């Protein structure tokens, strides 16, 4: 053993004067330990992943992202003039409420999500536009 570097696979409790039979059994004795360490390590890694997931859930999207388009798909949006005016008014209203700039992209998605949660009201709007009309 002299002249060699001590490594992770070496038994730290073995004497330098150990026989071959002890050397042969030492790696076998050490094999279960790394498996146990791996299991413990994977549990620790899972715990850390869960903590990170919880932290990401707790951190609002506005602060987690790199930019306003981060994590979003681009979709075309064409608005009627009165809708565009109402959107602008809503943007100003929310900027007053939050006392900070509000991203138009964030506002649009929030309006979309609220609309998706209120399909009955959305249906009424679509009916006003002529959906569901029949000409029998």
Foldseek 3Di string as FASTA:
>chain_A
DPPDDDDPQDDPPDDPPDDVVCVVCSSVVCVVVVVVVVVVVVVVVVVVVVVVVVVVVVDDPVVPDPDLCPPHDDDDDDDDPVVVVVLVVVQVVVCVVVVHHDDSSVSVVVVVVVCVVVVVVVVVVVVVVPPPDDDD
